[in-house]
């Protein structure tokens, strides 16, 4: 199994599938703030990728700093609603802009993951710096791997590795993807979320945006919560939606116990280069 059964608790996760305003951080803070406050009794609130700007390569217009208004707003809001808030922002640091996922706790502390795989078909790799390290966070006993959009296509990077320590099991229990995934590629989004859950014997959550962006690209939502055998616990449609789902650890633990394919997984290491 992944973690001691006594540690894993039921997790209340709110998915916020919003229509991000284009290059308008103040409007997005107002908009997403209103949606976030609709979440009830949630442990974790998940927003789309680059939710304060839209998926833009105009890094000079959209990027903030870790000391800027966006991060300060997230810290205050996490404290107000008493939940972890997760989503990505364009963040400038030492002259480089990163598509940075932030994991903001109610106490104001913040962890970060910089998107590893940059979407070259839109030129993201020419304007953003890429991350080199995965982040695994813990919440209510769950070990969670947060990722960003295009990362979903790369199974080696996402592989749930068997830990060497006796009885430690697997590295994570839930993989989480925040995205701006365009409507023409809906089928790969839905298929890959299921594939990542099945091959890693883990829950998978994907949160995508809806609406049209400033480049006239349409987004179909399709946010979802997928169980470890690839079955959806929740599937959103194409409209703005705020929905909270109860994620129960018992099906995960039972599946890993009766189908321990992770014990036969190939050992490997990742090259951060």
C-alpha atoms as a PDB file:
ATOM      1  CA  UNK A   1       0.000   0.000   0.000  1.00  0.00           C
ATOM      2  CA  UNK A   2       1.010   3.616  -0.276  1.00  0.00           C
ATOM      3  CA  UNK A   3       0.788   5.049   3.202  1.00  0.00           C
ATOM      4  CA  UNK A   4      -0.457   3.611   6.487  1.00  0.00           C
ATOM      5  CA  UNK A   5      -4.238   3.341   6.291  1.00  0.00           C
ATOM      6  CA  UNK A   6      -4.553   5.161   9.595  1.00  0.00           C
ATOM      7  CA  UNK A   7      -2.864   8.249   8.101  1.00  0.00           C
ATOM      8  CA  UNK A   8      -5.004   8.653   5.008  1.00  0.00           C
ATOM      9  CA  UNK A   9      -8.224  10.563   5.640  1.00  0.00           C
ATOM     10  CA  UNK A  10     -11.123  11.413   3.366  1.00  0.00           C
ATOM     11  CA  UNK A  11     -10.185  14.432   1.260  1.00  0.00           C
ATOM     12  CA  UNK A  12     -12.701  17.092   0.225  1.00  0.00           C
ATOM     13  CA  UNK A  13     -11.481  18.614  -3.053  1.00  0.00           C
ATOM     14  CA  UNK A  14     -13.114  21.543  -4.864  1.00  0.00           C
ATOM     15  CA  UNK A  15     -12.541  21.884  -8.603  1.00  0.00           C
ATOM     16  CA  UNK A  16     -12.991  25.411  -9.981  1.00  0.00           C
ATOM     17  CA  UNK A  17     -13.509  25.328 -13.728  1.00  0.00           C
ATOM     18  CA  UNK A  18     -13.528  29.008 -14.621  1.00  0.00           C
ATOM     19  CA  UNK A  19     -13.391  31.293 -17.656  1.00  0.00           C
ATOM     20  CA  UNK A  20     -10.160  33.189 -17.011  1.00  0.00           C
ATOM     21  CA  UNK A  21     -10.137  36.846 -18.044  1.00  0.00           C
ATOM     22  CA  UNK A  22      -7.406  37.701 -20.559  1.00  0.00           C
ATOM     23  CA  UNK A  23      -4.443  39.688 -19.178  1.00  0.00           C
ATOM     24  CA  UNK A  24      -6.528  41.130 -16.346  1.00  0.00           C
ATOM     25  CA  UNK A  25      -5.186  40.045 -12.970  1.00  0.00           C
ATOM     26  CA  UNK A  26      -7.460  42.330 -10.874  1.00  0.00           C
ATOM     27  CA  UNK A  27     -10.550  41.030 -12.688  1.00  0.00           C
ATOM     28  CA  UNK A  28      -9.377  37.449 -12.231  1.00  0.00           C
ATOM     29  CA  UNK A  29      -8.769  37.966  -8.520  1.00  0.00           C
ATOM     30  CA  UNK A  30     -12.327  39.251  -8.172  1.00  0.00           C
ATOM     31  CA  UNK A  31     -13.748  36.499 -10.368  1.00  0.00           C
ATOM     32  CA  UNK A  32     -11.901  33.540  -8.861  1.00  0.00           C
ATOM     33  CA  UNK A  33     -12.241  34.942  -5.358  1.00  0.00           C
ATOM     34  CA  UNK A  34     -16.017  34.806  -5.750  1.00  0.00           C
ATOM     35  CA  UNK A  35     -15.868  31.211  -7.014  1.00  0.00           C
ATOM     36  CA  UNK A  36     -13.458  30.104  -4.296  1.00  0.00           C
ATOM     37  CA  UNK A  37     -15.776  31.421  -1.601  1.00  0.00           C
ATOM     38  CA  UNK A  38     -18.495  29.120  -2.947  1.00  0.00           C
ATOM     39  CA  UNK A  39     -16.502  26.058  -1.852  1.00  0.00           C
ATOM     40  CA  UNK A  40     -17.965  24.434   1.240  1.00  0.00           C
ATOM     41  CA  UNK A  41     -15.964  22.470   3.822  1.00  0.00           C
ATOM     42  CA  UNK A  42     -13.118  21.869   1.384  1.00  0.00           C
ATOM     43  CA  UNK A  43      -9.583  20.728   2.216  1.00  0.00           C
ATOM     44  CA  UNK A  44      -8.146  21.576  -1.203  1.00  0.00           C
ATOM     45  CA  UNK A  45      -9.315  24.064  -3.846  1.00  0.00           C
ATOM     46  CA  UNK A  46      -7.851  23.658  -7.343  1.00  0.00           C
ATOM     47  CA  UNK A  47      -7.750  26.429  -9.958  1.00  0.00           C
ATOM     48  CA  UNK A  48      -6.704  26.220 -13.631  1.00  0.00           C
ATOM     49  CA  UNK A  49      -3.261  26.925 -15.055  1.00  0.00           C
ATOM     50  CA  UNK A  50      -2.231  30.628 -15.264  1.00  0.00           C
ATOM     51  CA  UNK A  51      -5.565  31.649 -13.771  1.00  0.00           C
ATOM     52  CA  UNK A  52      -4.592  35.301 -13.245  1.00  0.00           C
ATOM     53  CA  UNK A  53      -3.566  35.942 -16.858  1.00  0.00           C
ATOM     54  CA  UNK A  54      -4.633  33.186 -19.212  1.00  0.00           C
ATOM     55  CA  UNK A  55      -2.088  31.033 -21.045  1.00  0.00           C
ATOM     56  CA  UNK A  56      -0.082  33.866 -22.565  1.00  0.00           C
ATOM     57  CA  UNK A  57       3.403  34.149 -23.977  1.00  0.00           C
ATOM     58  CA  UNK A  58       3.394  37.881 -23.261  1.00  0.00           C
ATOM     59  CA  UNK A  59       5.448  37.312 -20.129  1.00  0.00           C
ATOM     60  CA  UNK A  60       6.207  41.002 -19.592  1.00  0.00           C
ATOM     61  CA  UNK A  61       2.497  41.754 -19.272  1.00  0.00           C
ATOM     62  CA  UNK A  62       1.435  38.701 -17.270  1.00  0.00           C
ATOM     63  CA  UNK A  63       4.319  37.807 -14.961  1.00  0.00           C
ATOM     64  CA  UNK A  64       4.283  38.715 -11.274  1.00  0.00           C
ATOM     65  CA  UNK A  65       6.839  38.141  -8.536  1.00  0.00           C
ATOM     66  CA  UNK A  66       6.568  36.014  -5.410  1.00  0.00           C
ATOM     67  CA  UNK A  67       6.218  39.296  -3.491  1.00  0.00           C
ATOM     68  CA  UNK A  68       3.471  40.558  -5.770  1.00  0.00           C
ATOM     69  CA  UNK A  69      -0.268  41.045  -5.397  1.00  0.00           C
ATOM     70  CA  UNK A  70      -1.255  37.641  -6.778  1.00  0.00           C
ATOM     71  CA  UNK A  71       0.668  35.570  -4.258  1.00  0.00           C
ATOM     72  CA  UNK A  72      -0.319  37.854  -1.374  1.00  0.00           C
ATOM     73  CA  UNK A  73      -3.971  37.536  -2.425  1.00  0.00           C
ATOM     74  CA  UNK A  74      -3.706  33.736  -2.518  1.00  0.00           C
ATOM     75  CA  UNK A  75      -2.152  33.607   0.947  1.00  0.00           C
ATOM     76  CA  UNK A  76      -4.896  35.789   2.412  1.00  0.00           C
ATOM     77  CA  UNK A  77      -7.664  33.877   0.663  1.00  0.00           C
ATOM     78  CA  UNK A  78      -6.354  30.461   1.771  1.00  0.00           C
ATOM     79  CA  UNK A  79      -6.445  31.722   5.340  1.00  0.00           C
ATOM     80  CA  UNK A  80      -9.943  33.120   4.886  1.00  0.00           C
ATOM     81  CA  UNK A  81     -11.476  29.903   3.524  1.00  0.00           C
ATOM     82  CA  UNK A  82      -9.350  27.547   5.635  1.00  0.00           C
ATOM     83  CA  UNK A  83      -8.203  25.386   2.724  1.00  0.00           C
ATOM     84  CA  UNK A  84      -5.156  24.786   0.565  1.00  0.00           C
ATOM     85  CA  UNK A  85      -5.429  26.657  -2.751  1.00  0.00           C
ATOM     86  CA  UNK A  86      -3.549  25.340  -5.772  1.00  0.00           C
ATOM     87  CA  UNK A  87      -3.078  26.772  -9.278  1.00  0.00           C
ATOM     88  CA  UNK A  88      -0.353  28.196 -11.502  1.00  0.00           C
ATOM     89  CA  UNK A  89       0.793  31.766 -12.200  1.00  0.00           C
ATOM     90  CA  UNK A  90       3.374  33.352 -14.480  1.00  0.00           C
ATOM     91  CA  UNK A  91       6.114  34.267 -11.984  1.00  0.00           C
ATOM     92  CA  UNK A  92       9.254  36.276 -12.739  1.00  0.00           C
ATOM     93  CA  UNK A  93      12.341  35.381 -10.695  1.00  0.00           C
ATOM     94  CA  UNK A  94      15.916  36.562 -11.314  1.00  0.00           C
ATOM     95  CA  UNK A  95      15.087  37.619 -14.859  1.00  0.00           C
ATOM     96  CA  UNK A  96      13.404  34.320 -15.799  1.00  0.00           C
ATOM     97  CA  UNK A  97       9.642  33.746 -16.039  1.00  0.00           C
ATOM     98  CA  UNK A  98       8.250  30.403 -14.837  1.00  0.00           C
ATOM     99  CA  UNK A  99       4.842  28.810 -15.188  1.00  0.00           C
ATOM    100  CA  UNK A 100       4.759  28.170 -11.455  1.00  0.00           C
ATOM    101  CA  UNK A 101       2.236  26.058  -9.602  1.00  0.00           C
ATOM    102  CA  UNK A 102       1.686  27.324  -6.064  1.00  0.00           C
ATOM    103  CA  UNK A 103       0.468  25.203  -3.161  1.00  0.00           C
ATOM    104  CA  UNK A 104      -0.761  27.787  -0.653  1.00  0.00           C
ATOM    105  CA  UNK A 105      -1.742  26.629   2.826  1.00  0.00           C
ATOM    106  CA  UNK A 106      -4.175  28.377   5.201  1.00  0.00           C
ATOM    107  CA  UNK A 107      -1.275  29.384   7.455  1.00  0.00           C
ATOM    108  CA  UNK A 108       0.223  31.390   4.576  1.00  0.00           C
ATOM    109  CA  UNK A 109       3.084  29.012   3.828  1.00  0.00           C
ATOM    110  CA  UNK A 110       3.627  28.236   0.169  1.00  0.00           C
ATOM    111  CA  UNK A 111       5.305  25.456  -1.818  1.00  0.00           C
ATOM    112  CA  UNK A 112       6.017  25.672  -5.533  1.00  0.00           C
ATOM    113  CA  UNK A 113       6.536  23.565  -8.654  1.00  0.00           C
ATOM    114  CA  UNK A 114       7.813  25.028 -11.926  1.00  0.00           C
ATOM    115  CA  UNK A 115       6.288  23.426 -15.024  1.00  0.00           C
ATOM    116  CA  UNK A 116       8.799  20.957 -16.409  1.00  0.00           C
ATOM    117  CA  UNK A 117       7.489  20.443 -19.954  1.00  0.00           C
ATOM    118  CA  UNK A 118       6.991  23.677 -21.887  1.00  0.00           C
ATOM    119  CA  UNK A 119       4.501  23.645 -24.741  1.00  0.00           C
ATOM    120  CA  UNK A 120       6.710  24.304 -27.747  1.00  0.00           C
ATOM    121  CA  UNK A 121       3.802  24.329 -30.213  1.00  0.00           C
ATOM    122  CA  UNK A 122       2.819  27.676 -28.667  1.00  0.00           C
ATOM    123  CA  UNK A 123       6.412  28.848 -28.133  1.00  0.00           C
ATOM    124  CA  UNK A 124       6.276  28.472 -24.342  1.00  0.00           C
ATOM    125  CA  UNK A 125       9.784  26.995 -24.338  1.00  0.00           C
ATOM    126  CA  UNK A 126      11.222  30.219 -25.819  1.00  0.00           C
ATOM    127  CA  UNK A 127       9.746  32.537 -23.179  1.00  0.00           C
ATOM    128  CA  UNK A 128       9.591  30.524 -19.966  1.00  0.00           C
ATOM    129  CA  UNK A 129      12.138  28.668 -17.885  1.00  0.00           C
ATOM    130  CA  UNK A 130      11.479  25.004 -17.164  1.00  0.00           C
ATOM    131  CA  UNK A 131      11.548  23.281 -13.800  1.00  0.00           C
ATOM    132  CA  UNK A 132      13.852  20.402 -12.938  1.00  0.00           C
ATOM    133  CA  UNK A 133      12.360  18.927  -9.763  1.00  0.00           C
ATOM    134  CA  UNK A 134       9.086  17.262  -8.901  1.00  0.00           C
ATOM    135  CA  UNK A 135       7.160  18.350  -5.844  1.00  0.00           C
ATOM    136  CA  UNK A 136       5.281  15.963  -3.575  1.00  0.00           C
ATOM    137  CA  UNK A 137       3.141  17.553  -0.868  1.00  0.00           C
ATOM    138  CA  UNK A 138       1.176  16.008   1.979  1.00  0.00           C
ATOM    139  CA  UNK A 139      -2.390  16.799   2.983  1.00  0.00           C
ATOM    140  CA  UNK A 140      -4.448  14.747   5.460  1.00  0.00           C
ATOM    141  CA  UNK A 141      -2.042  11.847   4.998  1.00  0.00           C
ATOM    142  CA  UNK A 142      -2.230  11.943   1.179  1.00  0.00           C
ATOM    143  CA  UNK A 143       0.957  12.316  -0.809  1.00  0.00           C
ATOM    144  CA  UNK A 144       0.083  14.507  -3.782  1.00  0.00           C
ATOM    145  CA  UNK A 145       2.035  15.170  -6.996  1.00  0.00           C
ATOM    146  CA  UNK A 146       0.992  18.561  -8.463  1.00  0.00           C
ATOM    147  CA  UNK A 147       1.728  19.130 -12.160  1.00  0.00           C
ATOM    148  CA  UNK A 148       0.903  21.590 -14.943  1.00  0.00           C
ATOM    149  CA  UNK A 149      -0.943  20.900 -18.212  1.00  0.00           C
ATOM    150  CA  UNK A 150       1.529  19.604 -20.857  1.00  0.00           C
ATOM    151  CA  UNK A 151       3.313  17.563 -18.148  1.00  0.00           C
ATOM    152  CA  UNK A 152       0.371  15.157 -18.454  1.00  0.00           C
ATOM    153  CA  UNK A 153       1.790  13.802 -21.723  1.00  0.00           C
ATOM    154  CA  UNK A 154       5.056  12.546 -20.209  1.00  0.00           C
ATOM    155  CA  UNK A 155       4.614   9.279 -18.289  1.00  0.00           C
ATOM    156  CA  UNK A 156       8.274   8.834 -17.334  1.00  0.00           C
ATOM    157  CA  UNK A 157       8.291  12.170 -15.484  1.00  0.00           C
ATOM    158  CA  UNK A 158       5.043  11.208 -13.761  1.00  0.00           C
ATOM    159  CA  UNK A 159       5.894   7.616 -12.924  1.00  0.00           C
ATOM    160  CA  UNK A 160       4.885   6.635  -9.400  1.00  0.00           C
ATOM    161  CA  UNK A 161       8.058   5.006  -8.148  1.00  0.00           C
ATOM    162  CA  UNK A 162       8.327   2.277  -5.569  1.00  0.00           C
ATOM    163  CA  UNK A 163      10.085   3.581  -2.478  1.00  0.00           C
ATOM    164  CA  UNK A 164      13.094   1.690  -1.181  1.00  0.00           C
ATOM    165  CA  UNK A 165      12.122   1.830   2.480  1.00  0.00           C
ATOM    166  CA  UNK A 166      10.425  -1.321   3.729  1.00  0.00           C
ATOM    167  CA  UNK A 167       6.678  -0.841   3.882  1.00  0.00           C
ATOM    168  CA  UNK A 168       6.823   2.656   2.408  1.00  0.00           C
ATOM    169  CA  UNK A 169       4.997   1.639  -0.771  1.00  0.00           C
ATOM    170  CA  UNK A 170       4.632   4.136  -3.578  1.00  0.00           C
ATOM    171  CA  UNK A 171       5.756   7.733  -3.861  1.00  0.00           C
ATOM    172  CA  UNK A 172       2.342   9.393  -4.192  1.00  0.00           C
ATOM    173  CA  UNK A 173      -1.386   8.665  -3.860  1.00  0.00           C
ATOM    174  CA  UNK A 174      -2.893  11.398  -6.036  1.00  0.00           C
ATOM    175  CA  UNK A 175      -1.602  13.241  -9.105  1.00  0.00           C
ATOM    176  CA  UNK A 176      -3.096  16.660  -9.786  1.00  0.00           C
ATOM    177  CA  UNK A 177      -3.004  18.579 -13.084  1.00  0.00           C
ATOM    178  CA  UNK A 178      -3.940  22.240 -13.571  1.00  0.00           C
ATOM    179  CA  UNK A 179      -4.432  23.134 -17.217  1.00  0.00           C
ATOM    180  CA  UNK A 180      -5.342  25.415 -20.081  1.00  0.00           C
ATOM    181  CA  UNK A 181      -6.021  22.484 -22.429  1.00  0.00           C
ATOM    182  CA  UNK A 182      -7.677  23.580 -25.719  1.00  0.00           C
ATOM    183  CA  UNK A 183     -10.976  22.105 -26.878  1.00  0.00           C
ATOM    184  CA  UNK A 184      -9.623  20.577 -30.125  1.00  0.00           C
ATOM    185  CA  UNK A 185      -7.507  18.220 -27.979  1.00  0.00           C
ATOM    186  CA  UNK A 186     -10.279  17.189 -25.578  1.00  0.00           C
ATOM    187  CA  UNK A 187      -9.893  13.484 -26.296  1.00  0.00           C
ATOM    188  CA  UNK A 188      -6.164  13.306 -25.399  1.00  0.00           C
ATOM    189  CA  UNK A 189      -6.875  15.222 -22.161  1.00  0.00           C
ATOM    190  CA  UNK A 190      -9.570  12.805 -21.076  1.00  0.00           C
ATOM    191  CA  UNK A 191      -7.643   9.739 -22.194  1.00  0.00           C
ATOM    192  CA  UNK A 192      -4.362  10.715 -20.572  1.00  0.00           C
ATOM    193  CA  UNK A 193      -5.976  11.496 -17.214  1.00  0.00           C
ATOM    194  CA  UNK A 194      -7.287   7.928 -17.163  1.00  0.00           C
ATOM    195  CA  UNK A 195      -4.009   6.441 -18.351  1.00  0.00           C
ATOM    196  CA  UNK A 196      -2.005   8.223 -15.644  1.00  0.00           C
ATOM    197  CA  UNK A 197      -4.407   6.938 -12.967  1.00  0.00           C
ATOM    198  CA  UNK A 198      -4.294   3.341 -14.195  1.00  0.00           C
ATOM    199  CA  UNK A 199      -0.544   3.049 -14.704  1.00  0.00           C
ATOM    200  CA  UNK A 200       0.312   4.745 -11.403  1.00  0.00           C
ATOM    201  CA  UNK A 201      -2.381   3.059  -9.268  1.00  0.00           C
ATOM    202  CA  UNK A 202      -3.402   6.485  -8.001  1.00  0.00           C
ATOM    203  CA  UNK A 203      -6.245   8.945  -8.043  1.00  0.00           C
ATOM    204  CA  UNK A 204      -5.888  11.673 -10.675  1.00  0.00           C
ATOM    205  CA  UNK A 205      -7.510  15.116 -10.678  1.00  0.00           C
ATOM    206  CA  UNK A 206      -7.460  17.419 -13.695  1.00  0.00           C
ATOM    207  CA  UNK A 207      -8.762  21.004 -13.622  1.00  0.00           C
ATOM    208  CA  UNK A 208      -9.080  22.839 -16.930  1.00  0.00           C
ATOM    209  CA  UNK A 209     -10.545  26.224 -17.851  1.00  0.00           C
ATOM    210  CA  UNK A 210     -13.524  27.052 -20.078  1.00  0.00           C
ATOM    211  CA  UNK A 211     -14.383  29.867 -22.470  1.00  0.00           C
ATOM    212  CA  UNK A 212     -12.332  31.669 -25.126  1.00  0.00           C
ATOM    213  CA  UNK A 213      -8.947  33.316 -24.554  1.00  0.00           C
ATOM    214  CA  UNK A 214      -7.368  36.392 -26.123  1.00  0.00           C
ATOM    215  CA  UNK A 215      -5.855  34.280 -28.899  1.00  0.00           C
ATOM    216  CA  UNK A 216      -9.330  33.002 -29.889  1.00  0.00           C
ATOM    217  CA  UNK A 217      -8.558  29.552 -28.500  1.00  0.00           C
ATOM    218  CA  UNK A 218     -11.554  27.726 -27.042  1.00  0.00           C
ATOM    219  CA  UNK A 219     -11.428  25.598 -23.890  1.00  0.00           C
ATOM    220  CA  UNK A 220     -13.919  22.839 -23.142  1.00  0.00           C
ATOM    221  CA  UNK A 221     -13.325  22.238 -19.443  1.00  0.00           C
ATOM    222  CA  UNK A 222     -13.691  18.471 -18.976  1.00  0.00           C
ATOM    223  CA  UNK A 223     -12.241  18.737 -15.474  1.00  0.00           C
ATOM    224  CA  UNK A 224     -12.401  15.353 -13.767  1.00  0.00           C
ATOM    225  CA  UNK A 225     -11.577  13.169 -10.801  1.00  0.00           C
ATOM    226  CA  UNK A 226     -10.424   9.686 -11.851  1.00  0.00           C
ATOM    227  CA  UNK A 227     -10.094   6.692  -9.526  1.00  0.00           C
ATOM    228  CA  UNK A 228      -7.125   4.263  -9.553  1.00  0.00           C
ATOM    229  CA  UNK A 229      -8.759   1.914 -12.065  1.00  0.00           C
ATOM    230  CA  UNK A 230      -9.538   4.735 -14.497  1.00  0.00           C
ATOM    231  CA  UNK A 231     -13.199   5.256 -13.642  1.00  0.00           C
ATOM    232  CA  UNK A 232     -14.438   8.844 -13.244  1.00  0.00           C
ATOM    233  CA  UNK A 233     -15.776   9.907  -9.871  1.00  0.00           C
ATOM    234  CA  UNK A 234     -16.626  13.254 -11.433  1.00  0.00           C
ATOM    235  CA  UNK A 235     -16.684  14.675 -14.956  1.00  0.00           C
ATOM    236  CA  UNK A 236     -17.437  18.344 -15.581  1.00  0.00           C
ATOM    237  CA  UNK A 237     -18.926  19.679 -18.779  1.00  0.00           C
ATOM    238  CA  UNK A 238     -18.028  22.762 -20.796  1.00  0.00           C
ATOM    239  CA  UNK A 239     -19.516  25.397 -18.491  1.00  0.00           C
ATOM    240  CA  UNK A 240     -18.206  27.361 -15.531  1.00  0.00           C
ATOM    241  CA  UNK A 241     -18.465  25.054 -12.545  1.00  0.00           C
ATOM    242  CA  UNK A 242     -17.532  24.868  -8.870  1.00  0.00           C
ATOM    243  CA  UNK A 243     -17.886  21.350  -7.524  1.00  0.00           C
ATOM    244  CA  UNK A 244     -16.610  19.566  -4.428  1.00  0.00           C
ATOM    245  CA  UNK A 245     -15.909  15.845  -4.465  1.00  0.00           C
ATOM    246  CA  UNK A 246     -15.205  13.436  -1.615  1.00  0.00           C
ATOM    247  CA  UNK A 247     -12.061  11.403  -2.301  1.00  0.00           C
ATOM    248  CA  UNK A 248     -12.037   8.240  -0.194  1.00  0.00           C
ATOM    249  CA  UNK A 249      -8.700   6.495   0.462  1.00  0.00           C
ATOM    250  CA  UNK A 250     -10.190   3.043   1.024  1.00  0.00           C
ATOM    251  CA  UNK A 251     -10.720   2.124  -2.670  1.00  0.00           C
ATOM    252  CA  UNK A 252      -7.133   3.187  -3.355  1.00  0.00           C
ATOM    253  CA  UNK A 253      -5.688   1.107  -0.536  1.00  0.00           C
ATOM    254  CA  UNK A 254      -7.835  -1.904  -1.431  1.00  0.00           C
ATOM    255  CA  UNK A 255      -6.852  -1.732  -5.112  1.00  0.00           C
ATOM    256  CA  UNK A 256      -3.139  -1.558  -4.327  1.00  0.00           C
ATOM    257  CA  UNK A 257      -3.510  -4.489  -1.945  1.00  0.00           C
ATOM    258  CA  UNK A 258      -5.309  -6.802  -4.373  1.00  0.00           C
ATOM    259  CA  UNK A 259      -3.485  -5.640  -7.526  1.00  0.00           C
ATOM    260  CA  UNK A 260       0.064  -4.711  -6.447  1.00  0.00           C
ATOM    261  CA  UNK A 261       1.482  -4.118  -9.926  1.00  0.00           C
ATOM    262  CA  UNK A 262       3.679  -1.388  -8.435  1.00  0.00           C
ATOM    263  CA  UNK A 263       5.807  -4.117  -6.834  1.00  0.00           C
ATOM    264  CA  UNK A 264       6.893  -5.278 -10.317  1.00  0.00           C
ATOM    265  CA  UNK A 265       7.680  -1.816 -11.667  1.00  0.00           C
ATOM    266  CA  UNK A 266      11.042  -1.159 -13.342  1.00  0.00           C
ATOM    267  CA  UNK A 267      13.602   0.814 -11.379  1.00  0.00           C
ATOM    268  CA  UNK A 268      14.885   3.984 -13.044  1.00  0.00           C
ATOM    269  CA  UNK A 269      16.181   7.471 -12.330  1.00  0.00           C
ATOM    270  CA  UNK A 270      15.309  10.798 -13.925  1.00  0.00           C
ATOM    271  CA  UNK A 271      17.827  13.022 -15.678  1.00  0.00           C
ATOM    272  CA  UNK A 272      17.014  16.600 -14.609  1.00  0.00           C
ATOM    273  CA  UNK A 273      18.818  18.034 -17.626  1.00  0.00           C
END
